[in-house]
């Protein structure tokens, strides 16, 4: 009887580990499907590794009319890059200084300028959550592109993103 209980407990624990690992991989390691359509604006979320250079290359290649760079807080934001030809550059301090504040700001600008699509450029662990935040504040097409981070940052980033994702899904459900 005890042996059966131990085997079932181990099988249950293995299932939990596999499901958790698969969810972590899908949400935080490989969050995007790689498809990008026509975009009116590109939003760069703040992080220690803000992929601003990736966003400026995408603005040029996709012909985005607007490039929004979050300056973040406490050194975790992007820097305002040089002007991109034929793209209006908007560097901003989100309020609150979080992904939620960035999404709210992008949503307000989208309504003002009647955007139909936004590309969110973020680090890979933050990408899925950033897209979800933008979708809550903007009802057009939302695409995502993820920039890389150093290997040593992954454990912290994944732990942080699990907490931030639970907070977004449970407590902060509005735009």
Foldseek 3Di string as FASTA:
>chain_A
DVVVVVVVVVVVVVVVVVVVVVCLCCQFVVPAPPDDDQWQEEEFAFALPTPVVVQLVCCQVRVHQEYEWEQADDNRGDDQDPDRPNHHYHYDHFVVRDLLSSLQVVLVVCVVVVIQEYEYEYARRCFNVSQVSNVQSHVHYYHYDHDYDDPVCVVVSSVVSVVVVCCCVPPVPHD
